[in-house]
ModelCIF file with pLDDT and N, C-alpha, C, O atoms, coordinates in Angstrom:
data_MODEL
#
_entry.id   MODEL 
#
_entity.id                         1 
_entity.type                       polymer 
_entity.pdbx_number_of_molecules   1 
#
_entity_poly.entity_id                      1 
_entity_poly.type                           'polypeptide(L)' 
_entity_poly.nstd_linkage                   no 
_entity_poly.nstd_monomer                   no 
_entity_poly.pdbx_seq_one_letter_code       
;(UNK)(UNK)(UNK)(UNK)(UNK)(UNK)(UNK)(UNK)(UNK)(UNK)(UNK)(UNK)(UNK)(UNK)(UNK)(UNK)
(UNK)(UNK)(UNK)(UNK)(UNK)(UNK)(UNK)(UNK)(UNK)(UNK)(UNK)(UNK)(UNK)(UNK)(UNK)(UNK)
(UNK)(UNK)(UNK)(UNK)(UNK)(UNK)(UNK)(UNK)(UNK)(UNK)(UNK)(UNK)(UNK)
;
_entity_poly.pdbx_seq_one_letter_code_can   XXXXXXXXXXXXXXXXXXXXXXXXXXXXXXXXXXXXXXXXXXXXX 
_entity_poly.pdbx_strand_id                 A 
#
loop_
_entity_poly_seq.entity_id 
_entity_poly_seq.num 
_entity_poly_seq.mon_id 
_entity_poly_seq.hetero 
1 1  UNK n 
1 2  UNK n 
1 3  UNK n 
1 4  UNK n 
1 5  UNK n 
1 6  UNK n 
1 7  UNK n 
1 8  UNK n 
1 9  UNK n 
1 10 UNK n 
1 11 UNK n 
1 12 UNK n 
1 13 UNK n 
1 14 UNK n 
1 15 UNK n 
1 16 UNK n 
1 17 UNK n 
1 18 UNK n 
1 19 UNK n 
1 20 UNK n 
1 21 UNK n 
1 22 UNK n 
1 23 UNK n 
1 24 UNK n 
1 25 UNK n 
1 26 UNK n 
1 27 UNK n 
1 28 UNK n 
1 29 UNK n 
1 30 UNK n 
1 31 UNK n 
1 32 UNK n 
1 33 UNK n 
1 34 UNK n 
1 35 UNK n 
1 36 UNK n 
1 37 UNK n 
1 38 UNK n 
1 39 UNK n 
1 40 UNK n 
1 41 UNK n 
1 42 UNK n 
1 43 UNK n 
1 44 UNK n 
1 45 UNK n 
#
_struct_asym.id          A 
_struct_asym.entity_id   1 
#
loop_
_ma_qa_metric.id 
_ma_qa_metric.mode 
_ma_qa_metric.name 
_ma_qa_metric.software_group_id 
_ma_qa_metric.type 
1 global pLDDT . pLDDT 
2 local  pLDDT . pLDDT 
#
_ma_qa_metric_global.metric_id      1 
_ma_qa_metric_global.metric_value   94.20 
_ma_qa_metric_global.model_id       1 
_ma_qa_metric_global.ordinal_id     1 
#
loop_
_ma_qa_metric_local.label_asym_id 
_ma_qa_metric_local.label_comp_id 
_ma_qa_metric_local.label_seq_id 
_ma_qa_metric_local.metric_id 
_ma_qa_metric_local.metric_value 
_ma_qa_metric_local.model_id 
_ma_qa_metric_local.ordinal_id 
A UNK 1  2 97.00 1 1  
A UNK 2  2 96.00 1 2  
A UNK 3  2 96.00 1 3  
A UNK 4  2 96.00 1 4  
A UNK 5  2 95.00 1 5  
A UNK 6  2 95.00 1 6  
A UNK 7  2 94.00 1 7  
A UNK 8  2 95.00 1 8  
A UNK 9  2 93.00 1 9  
A UNK 10 2 91.00 1 10 
A UNK 11 2 90.00 1 11 
A UNK 12 2 91.00 1 12 
A UNK 13 2 90.00 1 13 
A UNK 14 2 89.00 1 14 
A UNK 15 2 93.00 1 15 
A UNK 16 2 93.00 1 16 
A UNK 17 2 92.00 1 17 
A UNK 18 2 91.00 1 18 
A UNK 19 2 93.00 1 19 
A UNK 20 2 92.00 1 20 
A UNK 21 2 92.00 1 21 
A UNK 22 2 92.00 1 22 
A UNK 23 2 93.00 1 23 
A UNK 24 2 95.00 1 24 
A UNK 25 2 97.00 1 25 
A UNK 26 2 98.00 1 26 
A UNK 27 2 98.00 1 27 
A UNK 28 2 98.00 1 28 
A UNK 29 2 98.00 1 29 
A UNK 30 2 98.00 1 30 
A UNK 31 2 98.00 1 31 
A UNK 32 2 98.00 1 32 
A UNK 33 2 97.00 1 33 
A UNK 34 2 96.00 1 34 
A UNK 35 2 95.00 1 35 
A UNK 36 2 96.00 1 36 
A UNK 37 2 95.00 1 37 
A UNK 38 2 96.00 1 38 
A UNK 39 2 92.00 1 39 
A UNK 40 2 89.00 1 40 
A UNK 41 2 92.00 1 41 
A UNK 42 2 95.00 1 42 
A UNK 43 2 92.00 1 43 
A UNK 44 2 94.00 1 44 
A UNK 45 2 93.00 1 45 
#
loop_
_atom_site.group_PDB 
_atom_site.id 
_atom_site.type_symbol 
_atom_site.label_atom_id 
_atom_site.label_alt_id 
_atom_site.label_comp_id 
_atom_site.label_asym_id 
_atom_site.label_entity_id 
_atom_site.label_seq_id 
_atom_site.pdbx_PDB_ins_code 
_atom_site.Cartn_x 
_atom_site.Cartn_y 
_atom_site.Cartn_z 
_atom_site.occupancy 
_atom_site.B_iso_or_equiv 
_atom_site.pdbx_formal_charge 
_atom_site.auth_seq_id 
_atom_site.auth_comp_id 
_atom_site.auth_asym_id 
_atom_site.auth_atom_id 
_atom_site.pdbx_PDB_model_num 
ATOM 1   N N  . UNK A 1 1  ? 102.698 74.155 5.329  1.00 97.00 ? 1  UNK A N  1 
ATOM 2   C CA . UNK A 1 1  ? 102.017 73.199 5.483  1.00 97.00 ? 1  UNK A CA 1 
ATOM 3   C C  . UNK A 1 1  ? 100.482 73.348 4.898  1.00 97.00 ? 1  UNK A C  1 
ATOM 4   O O  . UNK A 1 1  ? 99.850  74.024 5.709  1.00 97.00 ? 1  UNK A O  1 
ATOM 5   N N  . UNK A 1 2  ? 99.679  72.971 3.815  1.00 96.00 ? 2  UNK A N  1 
ATOM 6   C CA . UNK A 1 2  ? 98.584  73.527 3.425  1.00 96.00 ? 2  UNK A CA 1 
ATOM 7   C C  . UNK A 1 2  ? 97.574  71.935 3.955  1.00 96.00 ? 2  UNK A C  1 
ATOM 8   O O  . UNK A 1 2  ? 98.179  70.898 4.227  1.00 96.00 ? 2  UNK A O  1 
ATOM 9   N N  . UNK A 1 3  ? 96.734  71.981 3.990  1.00 96.00 ? 3  UNK A N  1 
ATOM 10  C CA . UNK A 1 3  ? 95.356  71.524 4.127  1.00 96.00 ? 3  UNK A CA 1 
ATOM 11  C C  . UNK A 1 3  ? 93.950  71.762 3.554  1.00 96.00 ? 3  UNK A C  1 
ATOM 12  O O  . UNK A 1 3  ? 93.276  72.648 4.079  1.00 96.00 ? 3  UNK A O  1 
ATOM 13  N N  . UNK A 1 4  ? 93.268  70.822 2.182  1.00 96.00 ? 4  UNK A N  1 
ATOM 14  C CA . UNK A 1 4  ? 92.075  71.430 2.043  1.00 96.00 ? 4  UNK A CA 1 
ATOM 15  C C  . UNK A 1 4  ? 91.355  70.498 2.050  1.00 96.00 ? 4  UNK A C  1 
ATOM 16  O O  . UNK A 1 4  ? 91.797  69.361 1.889  1.00 96.00 ? 4  UNK A O  1 
ATOM 17  N N  . UNK A 1 5  ? 89.805  70.808 2.277  1.00 95.00 ? 5  UNK A N  1 
ATOM 18  C CA . UNK A 1 5  ? 88.693  70.155 2.503  1.00 95.00 ? 5  UNK A CA 1 
ATOM 19  C C  . UNK A 1 5  ? 87.582  69.873 1.438  1.00 95.00 ? 5  UNK A C  1 
ATOM 20  O O  . UNK A 1 5  ? 87.278  70.981 0.995  1.00 95.00 ? 5  UNK A O  1 
ATOM 21  N N  . UNK A 1 6  ? 86.859  68.945 0.842  1.00 95.00 ? 6  UNK A N  1 
ATOM 22  C CA . UNK A 1 6  ? 86.305  69.517 0.004  1.00 95.00 ? 6  UNK A CA 1 
ATOM 23  C C  . UNK A 1 6  ? 84.875  69.094 0.678  1.00 95.00 ? 6  UNK A C  1 
ATOM 24  O O  . UNK A 1 6  ? 84.753  68.208 1.523  1.00 95.00 ? 6  UNK A O  1 
ATOM 25  N N  . UNK A 1 7  ? 83.672  70.004 0.072  1.00 94.00 ? 7  UNK A N  1 
ATOM 26  C CA . UNK A 1 7  ? 82.595  70.165 0.892  1.00 94.00 ? 7  UNK A CA 1 
ATOM 27  C C  . UNK A 1 7  ? 81.917  69.957 0.493  1.00 94.00 ? 7  UNK A C  1 
ATOM 28  O O  . UNK A 1 7  ? 81.060  70.840 0.482  1.00 94.00 ? 7  UNK A O  1 
ATOM 29  N N  . UNK A 1 8  ? 81.569  68.647 -0.227 1.00 95.00 ? 8  UNK A N  1 
ATOM 30  C CA . UNK A 1 8  ? 80.372  68.343 -1.104 1.00 95.00 ? 8  UNK A CA 1 
ATOM 31  C C  . UNK A 1 8  ? 79.544  67.975 -0.368 1.00 95.00 ? 8  UNK A C  1 
ATOM 32  O O  . UNK A 1 8  ? 79.417  67.331 0.674  1.00 95.00 ? 8  UNK A O  1 
ATOM 33  N N  . UNK A 1 9  ? 78.599  68.850 -1.579 1.00 93.00 ? 9  UNK A N  1 
ATOM 34  C CA . UNK A 1 9  ? 77.050  68.753 -0.973 1.00 93.00 ? 9  UNK A CA 1 
ATOM 35  C C  . UNK A 1 9  ? 75.646  69.220 0.006  1.00 93.00 ? 9  UNK A C  1 
ATOM 36  O O  . UNK A 1 9  ? 74.531  68.898 0.417  1.00 93.00 ? 9  UNK A O  1 
ATOM 37  N N  . UNK A 1 10 ? 77.171  70.674 -0.024 1.00 91.00 ? 10 UNK A N  1 
ATOM 38  C CA . UNK A 1 10 ? 76.412  70.742 1.529  1.00 91.00 ? 10 UNK A CA 1 
ATOM 39  C C  . UNK A 1 10 ? 76.264  72.028 1.401  1.00 91.00 ? 10 UNK A C  1 
ATOM 40  O O  . UNK A 1 10 ? 75.905  72.722 2.353  1.00 91.00 ? 10 UNK A O  1 
ATOM 41  N N  . UNK A 1 11 ? 76.587  72.651 -0.111 1.00 90.00 ? 11 UNK A N  1 
ATOM 42  C CA . UNK A 1 11 ? 75.381  73.805 -0.465 1.00 90.00 ? 11 UNK A CA 1 
ATOM 43  C C  . UNK A 1 11 ? 74.786  73.708 -0.677 1.00 90.00 ? 11 UNK A C  1 
ATOM 44  O O  . UNK A 1 11 ? 74.474  72.522 -0.788 1.00 90.00 ? 11 UNK A O  1 
ATOM 45  N N  . UNK A 1 12 ? 73.539  74.937 -1.120 1.00 91.00 ? 12 UNK A N  1 
ATOM 46  C CA . UNK A 1 12 ? 72.281  75.057 -1.707 1.00 91.00 ? 12 UNK A CA 1 
ATOM 47  C C  . UNK A 1 12 ? 71.275  73.699 -2.850 1.00 91.00 ? 12 UNK A C  1 
ATOM 48  O O  . UNK A 1 12 ? 71.215  73.690 -4.080 1.00 91.00 ? 12 UNK A O  1 
ATOM 49  N N  . UNK A 1 13 ? 70.696  72.820 -1.972 1.00 90.00 ? 13 UNK A N  1 
ATOM 50  C CA . UNK A 1 13 ? 70.118  72.033 -3.637 1.00 90.00 ? 13 UNK A CA 1 
ATOM 51  C C  . UNK A 1 13 ? 70.718  71.152 -3.615 1.00 90.00 ? 13 UNK A C  1 
ATOM 52  O O  . UNK A 1 13 ? 70.532  70.246 -4.428 1.00 90.00 ? 13 UNK A O  1 
ATOM 53  N N  . UNK A 1 14 ? 71.638  71.100 -2.692 1.00 89.00 ? 14 UNK A N  1 
ATOM 54  C CA . UNK A 1 14 ? 73.191  69.634 -2.639 1.00 89.00 ? 14 UNK A CA 1 
ATOM 55  C C  . UNK A 1 14 ? 74.057  70.164 -2.994 1.00 89.00 ? 14 UNK A C  1 
ATOM 56  O O  . UNK A 1 14 ? 75.082  69.483 -2.967 1.00 89.00 ? 14 UNK A O  1 
ATOM 57  N N  . UNK A 1 15 ? 74.203  71.529 -3.490 1.00 93.00 ? 15 UNK A N  1 
ATOM 58  C CA . UNK A 1 15 ? 75.491  72.243 -4.513 1.00 93.00 ? 15 UNK A CA 1 
ATOM 59  C C  . UNK A 1 15 ? 76.899  71.681 -3.823 1.00 93.00 ? 15 UNK A C  1 
ATOM 60  O O  . UNK A 1 15 ? 76.841  71.522 -2.603 1.00 93.00 ? 15 UNK A O  1 
ATOM 61  N N  . UNK A 1 16 ? 78.213  71.349 -4.511 1.00 93.00 ? 16 UNK A N  1 
ATOM 62  C CA . UNK A 1 16 ? 79.297  71.573 -3.576 1.00 93.00 ? 16 UNK A CA 1 
ATOM 63  C C  . UNK A 1 16 ? 79.769  73.024 -3.626 1.00 93.00 ? 16 UNK A C  1 
ATOM 64  O O  . UNK A 1 16 ? 79.876  73.819 -4.561 1.00 93.00 ? 16 UNK A O  1 
ATOM 65  N N  . UNK A 1 17 ? 80.014  73.110 -2.333 1.00 92.00 ? 17 UNK A N  1 
ATOM 66  C CA . UNK A 1 17 ? 80.787  74.371 -1.130 1.00 92.00 ? 17 UNK A CA 1 
ATOM 67  C C  . UNK A 1 17 ? 82.015  74.583 -2.002 1.00 92.00 ? 17 UNK A C  1 
ATOM 68  O O  . UNK A 1 17 ? 82.092  73.528 -2.632 1.00 92.00 ? 17 UNK A O  1 
ATOM 69  N N  . UNK A 1 18 ? 83.017  75.369 -2.385 1.00 91.00 ? 18 UNK A N  1 
ATOM 70  C CA . UNK A 1 18 ? 84.404  75.790 -2.248 1.00 91.00 ? 18 UNK A CA 1 
ATOM 71  C C  . UNK A 1 18 ? 84.524  74.918 -1.461 1.00 91.00 ? 18 UNK A C  1 
ATOM 72  O O  . UNK A 1 18 ? 83.659  74.422 -0.739 1.00 91.00 ? 18 UNK A O  1 
ATOM 73  N N  . UNK A 1 19 ? 86.587  74.451 -1.627 1.00 93.00 ? 19 UNK A N  1 
ATOM 74  C CA . UNK A 1 19 ? 86.600  73.809 -0.708 1.00 93.00 ? 19 UNK A CA 1 
ATOM 75  C C  . UNK A 1 19 ? 87.216  74.793 0.275  1.00 93.00 ? 19 UNK A C  1 
ATOM 76  O O  . UNK A 1 19 ? 87.333  75.989 0.005  1.00 93.00 ? 19 UNK A O  1 
ATOM 77  N N  . UNK A 1 20 ? 87.653  74.185 1.567  1.00 92.00 ? 20 UNK A N  1 
ATOM 78  C CA . UNK A 1 20 ? 88.131  75.103 3.239  1.00 92.00 ? 20 UNK A CA 1 
ATOM 79  C C  . UNK A 1 20 ? 89.378  75.108 2.977  1.00 92.00 ? 20 UNK A C  1 
ATOM 80  O O  . UNK A 1 20 ? 90.096  74.119 2.828  1.00 92.00 ? 20 UNK A O  1 
ATOM 81  N N  . UNK A 1 21 ? 89.550  75.752 2.940  1.00 92.00 ? 21 UNK A N  1 
ATOM 82  C CA . UNK A 1 21 ? 91.429  76.125 3.147  1.00 92.00 ? 21 UNK A CA 1 
ATOM 83  C C  . UNK A 1 21 ? 92.108  76.601 4.490  1.00 92.00 ? 21 UNK A C  1 
ATOM 84  O O  . UNK A 1 21 ? 91.729  77.432 5.316  1.00 92.00 ? 21 UNK A O  1 
ATOM 85  N N  . UNK A 1 22 ? 93.646  75.513 4.422  1.00 92.00 ? 22 UNK A N  1 
ATOM 86  C CA . UNK A 1 22 ? 94.091  75.838 6.361  1.00 92.00 ? 22 UNK A CA 1 
ATOM 87  C C  . UNK A 1 22 ? 95.496  75.663 5.667  1.00 92.00 ? 22 UNK A C  1 
ATOM 88  O O  . UNK A 1 22 ? 95.944  75.005 4.728  1.00 92.00 ? 22 UNK A O  1 
ATOM 89  N N  . UNK A 1 23 ? 95.981  76.589 6.601  1.00 93.00 ? 23 UNK A N  1 
ATOM 90  C CA . UNK A 1 23 ? 97.730  76.711 5.761  1.00 93.00 ? 23 UNK A CA 1 
ATOM 91  C C  . UNK A 1 23 ? 98.388  77.389 6.588  1.00 93.00 ? 23 UNK A C  1 
ATOM 92  O O  . UNK A 1 23 ? 97.817  78.267 7.235  1.00 93.00 ? 23 UNK A O  1 
ATOM 93  N N  . UNK A 1 24 ? 100.025 77.073 6.783  1.00 95.00 ? 24 UNK A N  1 
ATOM 94  C CA . UNK A 1 24 ? 100.821 77.840 7.441  1.00 95.00 ? 24 UNK A CA 1 
ATOM 95  C C  . UNK A 1 24 ? 102.401 77.743 7.456  1.00 95.00 ? 24 UNK A C  1 
ATOM 96  O O  . UNK A 1 24 ? 103.065 76.838 6.951  1.00 95.00 ? 24 UNK A O  1 
ATOM 97  N N  . UNK A 1 25 ? 102.759 78.586 7.971  1.00 97.00 ? 25 UNK A N  1 
ATOM 98  C CA . UNK A 1 25 ? 104.658 78.224 7.866  1.00 97.00 ? 25 UNK A CA 1 
ATOM 99  C C  . UNK A 1 25 ? 105.317 78.725 9.528  1.00 97.00 ? 25 UNK A C  1 
ATOM 100 O O  . UNK A 1 25 ? 104.971 79.720 10.165 1.00 97.00 ? 25 UNK A O  1 
ATOM 101 N N  . UNK A 1 26 ? 106.064 77.967 9.820  1.00 98.00 ? 26 UNK A N  1 
ATOM 102 C CA . UNK A 1 26 ? 106.849 78.669 10.192 1.00 98.00 ? 26 UNK A CA 1 
ATOM 103 C C  . UNK A 1 26 ? 108.494 78.562 10.101 1.00 98.00 ? 26 UNK A C  1 
ATOM 104 O O  . UNK A 1 26 ? 108.929 77.647 9.402  1.00 98.00 ? 26 UNK A O  1 
ATOM 105 N N  . UNK A 1 27 ? 109.536 79.521 10.825 1.00 98.00 ? 27 UNK A N  1 
ATOM 106 C CA . UNK A 1 27 ? 110.960 79.270 10.978 1.00 98.00 ? 27 UNK A CA 1 
ATOM 107 C C  . UNK A 1 27 ? 111.404 79.706 11.679 1.00 98.00 ? 27 UNK A C  1 
ATOM 108 O O  . UNK A 1 27 ? 111.375 80.923 11.863 1.00 98.00 ? 27 UNK A O  1 
ATOM 109 N N  . UNK A 1 28 ? 112.269 78.523 12.668 1.00 98.00 ? 28 UNK A N  1 
ATOM 110 C CA . UNK A 1 28 ? 112.903 78.668 14.007 1.00 98.00 ? 28 UNK A CA 1 
ATOM 111 C C  . UNK A 1 28 ? 114.642 78.732 13.275 1.00 98.00 ? 28 UNK A C  1 
ATOM 112 O O  . UNK A 1 28 ? 115.142 78.572 12.162 1.00 98.00 ? 28 UNK A O  1 
ATOM 113 N N  . UNK A 1 29 ? 115.172 79.105 14.840 1.00 98.00 ? 29 UNK A N  1 
ATOM 114 C CA . UNK A 1 29 ? 116.557 79.214 14.895 1.00 98.00 ? 29 UNK A CA 1 
ATOM 115 C C  . UNK A 1 29 ? 116.690 79.019 15.766 1.00 98.00 ? 29 UNK A C  1 
ATOM 116 O O  . UNK A 1 29 ? 115.733 79.345 16.467 1.00 98.00 ? 29 UNK A O  1 
ATOM 117 N N  . UNK A 1 30 ? 118.328 78.113 16.806 1.00 98.00 ? 30 UNK A N  1 
ATOM 118 C CA . UNK A 1 30 ? 118.247 78.096 17.795 1.00 98.00 ? 30 UNK A CA 1 
ATOM 119 C C  . UNK A 1 30 ? 119.908 77.805 17.809 1.00 98.00 ? 30 UNK A C  1 
ATOM 120 O O  . UNK A 1 30 ? 120.449 77.288 16.831 1.00 98.00 ? 30 UNK A O  1 
ATOM 121 N N  . UNK A 1 31 ? 120.669 78.193 19.029 1.00 98.00 ? 31 UNK A N  1 
ATOM 122 C CA . UNK A 1 31 ? 122.217 78.700 19.188 1.00 98.00 ? 31 UNK A CA 1 
ATOM 123 C C  . UNK A 1 31 ? 122.546 78.198 20.409 1.00 98.00 ? 31 UNK A C  1 
ATOM 124 O O  . UNK A 1 31 ? 121.959 78.635 21.398 1.00 98.00 ? 31 UNK A O  1 
ATOM 125 N N  . UNK A 1 32 ? 123.406 77.331 20.519 1.00 98.00 ? 32 UNK A N  1 
ATOM 126 C CA . UNK A 1 32 ? 123.644 76.698 21.706 1.00 98.00 ? 32 UNK A CA 1 
ATOM 127 C C  . UNK A 1 32 ? 125.370 77.564 22.442 1.00 98.00 ? 32 UNK A C  1 
ATOM 128 O O  . UNK A 1 32 ? 126.451 77.406 21.875 1.00 98.00 ? 32 UNK A O  1 
ATOM 129 N N  . UNK A 1 33 ? 125.233 78.232 23.463 1.00 97.00 ? 33 UNK A N  1 
ATOM 130 C CA . UNK A 1 33 ? 125.899 79.684 23.794 1.00 97.00 ? 33 UNK A CA 1 
ATOM 131 C C  . UNK A 1 33 ? 127.241 78.731 24.146 1.00 97.00 ? 33 UNK A C  1 
ATOM 132 O O  . UNK A 1 33 ? 128.420 78.800 23.801 1.00 97.00 ? 33 UNK A O  1 
ATOM 133 N N  . UNK A 1 34 ? 126.548 77.892 24.926 1.00 96.00 ? 34 UNK A N  1 
ATOM 134 C CA . UNK A 1 34 ? 128.147 77.463 25.249 1.00 96.00 ? 34 UNK A CA 1 
ATOM 135 C C  . UNK A 1 34 ? 129.247 76.193 24.850 1.00 96.00 ? 34 UNK A C  1 
ATOM 136 O O  . UNK A 1 34 ? 130.150 75.559 25.395 1.00 96.00 ? 34 UNK A O  1 
ATOM 137 N N  . UNK A 1 35 ? 128.525 76.266 23.484 1.00 95.00 ? 35 UNK A N  1 
ATOM 138 C CA . UNK A 1 35 ? 129.459 75.761 22.125 1.00 95.00 ? 35 UNK A CA 1 
ATOM 139 C C  . UNK A 1 35 ? 129.060 74.213 22.015 1.00 95.00 ? 35 UNK A C  1 
ATOM 140 O O  . UNK A 1 35 ? 129.146 73.643 20.927 1.00 95.00 ? 35 UNK A O  1 
ATOM 141 N N  . UNK A 1 36 ? 128.743 73.730 22.850 1.00 96.00 ? 36 UNK A N  1 
ATOM 142 C CA . UNK A 1 36 ? 127.996 72.741 22.185 1.00 96.00 ? 36 UNK A CA 1 
ATOM 143 C C  . UNK A 1 36 ? 127.430 72.100 21.179 1.00 96.00 ? 36 UNK A C  1 
ATOM 144 O O  . UNK A 1 36 ? 126.377 72.729 21.282 1.00 96.00 ? 36 UNK A O  1 
ATOM 145 N N  . UNK A 1 37 ? 127.167 71.182 20.040 1.00 95.00 ? 37 UNK A N  1 
ATOM 146 C CA . UNK A 1 37 ? 126.773 70.614 19.121 1.00 95.00 ? 37 UNK A CA 1 
ATOM 147 C C  . UNK A 1 37 ? 125.057 70.250 18.956 1.00 95.00 ? 37 UNK A C  1 
ATOM 148 O O  . UNK A 1 37 ? 124.446 69.447 19.661 1.00 95.00 ? 37 UNK A O  1 
ATOM 149 N N  . UNK A 1 38 ? 124.545 70.980 17.955 1.00 96.00 ? 38 UNK A N  1 
ATOM 150 C CA . UNK A 1 38 ? 123.369 70.927 18.062 1.00 96.00 ? 38 UNK A CA 1 
ATOM 151 C C  . UNK A 1 38 ? 122.803 69.268 17.309 1.00 96.00 ? 38 UNK A C  1 
ATOM 152 O O  . UNK A 1 38 ? 121.767 68.647 17.545 1.00 96.00 ? 38 UNK A O  1 
ATOM 153 N N  . UNK A 1 39 ? 123.830 68.960 16.457 1.00 92.00 ? 39 UNK A N  1 
ATOM 154 C CA . UNK A 1 39 ? 123.455 67.692 15.714 1.00 92.00 ? 39 UNK A CA 1 
ATOM 155 C C  . UNK A 1 39 ? 123.092 66.458 16.708 1.00 92.00 ? 39 UNK A C  1 
ATOM 156 O O  . UNK A 1 39 ? 123.670 66.279 17.780 1.00 92.00 ? 39 UNK A O  1 
ATOM 157 N N  . UNK A 1 40 ? 122.306 65.834 16.326 1.00 89.00 ? 40 UNK A N  1 
ATOM 158 C CA . UNK A 1 40 ? 122.077 64.750 17.207 1.00 89.00 ? 40 UNK A CA 1 
ATOM 159 C C  . UNK A 1 40 ? 121.686 64.968 19.040 1.00 89.00 ? 40 UNK A C  1 
ATOM 160 O O  . UNK A 1 40 ? 121.682 64.158 19.967 1.00 89.00 ? 40 UNK A O  1 
ATOM 161 N N  . UNK A 1 41 ? 121.464 66.060 18.990 1.00 92.00 ? 41 UNK A N  1 
ATOM 162 C CA . UNK A 1 41 ? 120.821 66.371 20.692 1.00 92.00 ? 41 UNK A CA 1 
ATOM 163 C C  . UNK A 1 41 ? 121.947 67.122 21.526 1.00 92.00 ? 41 UNK A C  1 
ATOM 164 O O  . UNK A 1 41 ? 123.099 66.718 21.368 1.00 92.00 ? 41 UNK A O  1 
ATOM 165 N N  . UNK A 1 42 ? 121.756 68.012 22.262 1.00 95.00 ? 42 UNK A N  1 
ATOM 166 C CA . UNK A 1 42 ? 122.538 68.392 22.693 1.00 95.00 ? 42 UNK A CA 1 
ATOM 167 C C  . UNK A 1 42 ? 123.152 67.364 24.144 1.00 95.00 ? 42 UNK A C  1 
ATOM 168 O O  . UNK A 1 42 ? 122.362 66.562 24.642 1.00 95.00 ? 42 UNK A O  1 
ATOM 169 N N  . UNK A 1 43 ? 124.486 67.485 24.677 1.00 92.00 ? 43 UNK A N  1 
ATOM 170 C CA . UNK A 1 43 ? 124.955 67.258 25.591 1.00 92.00 ? 43 UNK A CA 1 
ATOM 171 C C  . UNK A 1 43 ? 125.457 67.760 26.750 1.00 92.00 ? 43 UNK A C  1 
ATOM 172 O O  . UNK A 1 43 ? 126.529 67.174 26.900 1.00 92.00 ? 43 UNK A O  1 
ATOM 173 N N  . UNK A 1 44 ? 125.321 68.374 27.487 1.00 94.00 ? 44 UNK A N  1 
ATOM 174 C CA . UNK A 1 44 ? 126.038 69.535 27.912 1.00 94.00 ? 44 UNK A CA 1 
ATOM 175 C C  . UNK A 1 44 ? 127.733 68.445 28.505 1.00 94.00 ? 44 UNK A C  1 
ATOM 176 O O  . UNK A 1 44 ? 127.894 67.466 29.233 1.00 94.00 ? 44 UNK A O  1 
ATOM 177 N N  . UNK A 1 45 ? 128.752 69.433 27.604 1.00 93.00 ? 45 UNK A N  1 
ATOM 178 C CA . UNK A 1 45 ? 130.378 69.043 28.273 1.00 93.00 ? 45 UNK A CA 1 
ATOM 179 C C  . UNK A 1 45 ? 130.682 68.994 29.599 1.00 93.00 ? 45 UNK A C  1 
ATOM 180 O O  . UNK A 1 45 ? 131.826 68.717 29.961 1.00 93.00 ? 45 UNK A O  1 
#
């Protein structure tokens, strides 16, 4: 995910500043060790 925010007229003498950049990522994994299916939500046997 990435977000850019403009900063118009916030610099010296009302000039524009470079955009503020915010970003990130994640990777996740799960394993139902008791064997139930993950898709649709785990329901215990």
